[in-house]
Amino acid sequence: MGLLAGLVLGWAAAFGGFEEFLIVAVFGALGLLIARVIDGKLDLGALTGRSSTRR
């Protein structure tokens, strides 16, 4: 998956320029964060001070 992300970023940088490279990188990072939250591998409650486990 990392190789594919690198290829996409390289393609955007080579043919689109720096602005397009940044746009692709930002949307890729957002997609990764959303996927981790959906899969349960990232708990946003830890960032906001709330925990997903209740006592």
Protein backbone atom coordinates (compact mmCIF):
# COMPACT_ATOMS: atom_id res chain seq x y z
CA MET A 1 0.00 0.00 0.00
CA GLY A 2 2.88 2.35 0.74
CA LEU A 3 4.34 1.77 -2.70
CA LEU A 4 1.04 2.67 -4.32
CA ALA A 5 0.80 5.85 -2.25
CA GLY A 6 4.35 6.78 -3.24
CA LEU A 7 3.59 6.20 -6.90
CA VAL A 8 0.49 8.38 -6.76
CA LEU A 9 2.37 11.17 -4.96
CA GLY A 10 5.23 10.91 -7.44
CA TRP A 11 2.83 11.06 -10.36
CA ALA A 12 1.17 14.16 -8.94
CA ALA A 13 4.53 15.84 -8.33
CA ALA A 14 5.91 14.98 -11.77
CA PHE A 15 2.93 16.01 -13.86
CA GLY A 16 0.99 18.45 -11.71
CA GLY A 17 3.42 20.50 -9.75
CA PHE A 18 3.93 21.19 -6.07
CA GLU A 19 0.38 22.35 -5.31
CA GLU A 20 -1.14 19.18 -6.72
CA PHE A 21 1.42 17.12 -4.81
CA LEU A 22 0.33 18.76 -1.56
CA ILE A 23 -3.36 18.25 -2.35
CA VAL A 24 -2.81 14.54 -3.03
CA ALA A 25 -0.71 14.18 0.15
CA VAL A 26 -3.34 15.89 2.33
CA PHE A 27 -6.20 13.82 0.95
CA GLY A 28 -4.12 10.66 1.33
CA ALA A 29 -3.43 11.46 4.98
CA LEU A 30 -7.11 12.21 5.61
CA GLY A 31 -8.10 8.94 3.98
CA LEU A 32 -5.63 7.06 6.16
CA LEU A 33 -6.96 8.67 9.34
CA ILE A 34 -10.57 7.97 8.40
CA ALA A 35 -9.77 4.34 7.58
CA ARG A 36 -7.98 3.88 10.91
CA VAL A 37 -10.92 5.33 12.82
CA ILE A 38 -13.40 3.10 10.97
CA ASP A 39 -11.23 0.02 11.56
CA GLY A 40 -10.94 0.88 15.24
CA LYS A 41 -7.16 1.23 15.17
CA LEU A 42 -7.28 4.91 16.10
CA ASP A 43 -9.28 6.18 19.06
CA LEU A 44 -10.14 9.84 18.67
CA GLY A 45 -11.29 9.89 22.27
CA ALA A 46 -7.66 9.70 23.37
CA LEU A 47 -7.01 12.95 21.54
CA THR A 48 -10.02 14.74 23.01
CA GLY A 49 -9.61 13.42 26.53
CA ARG A 50 -12.46 10.92 26.29
CA SER A 51 -11.94 7.21 26.31
CA SER A 52 -13.89 4.60 24.38
CA THR A 53 -13.85 2.25 27.39
CA ARG A 54 -16.17 3.16 30.24
CA ARG A 55 -15.55 2.21 33.84
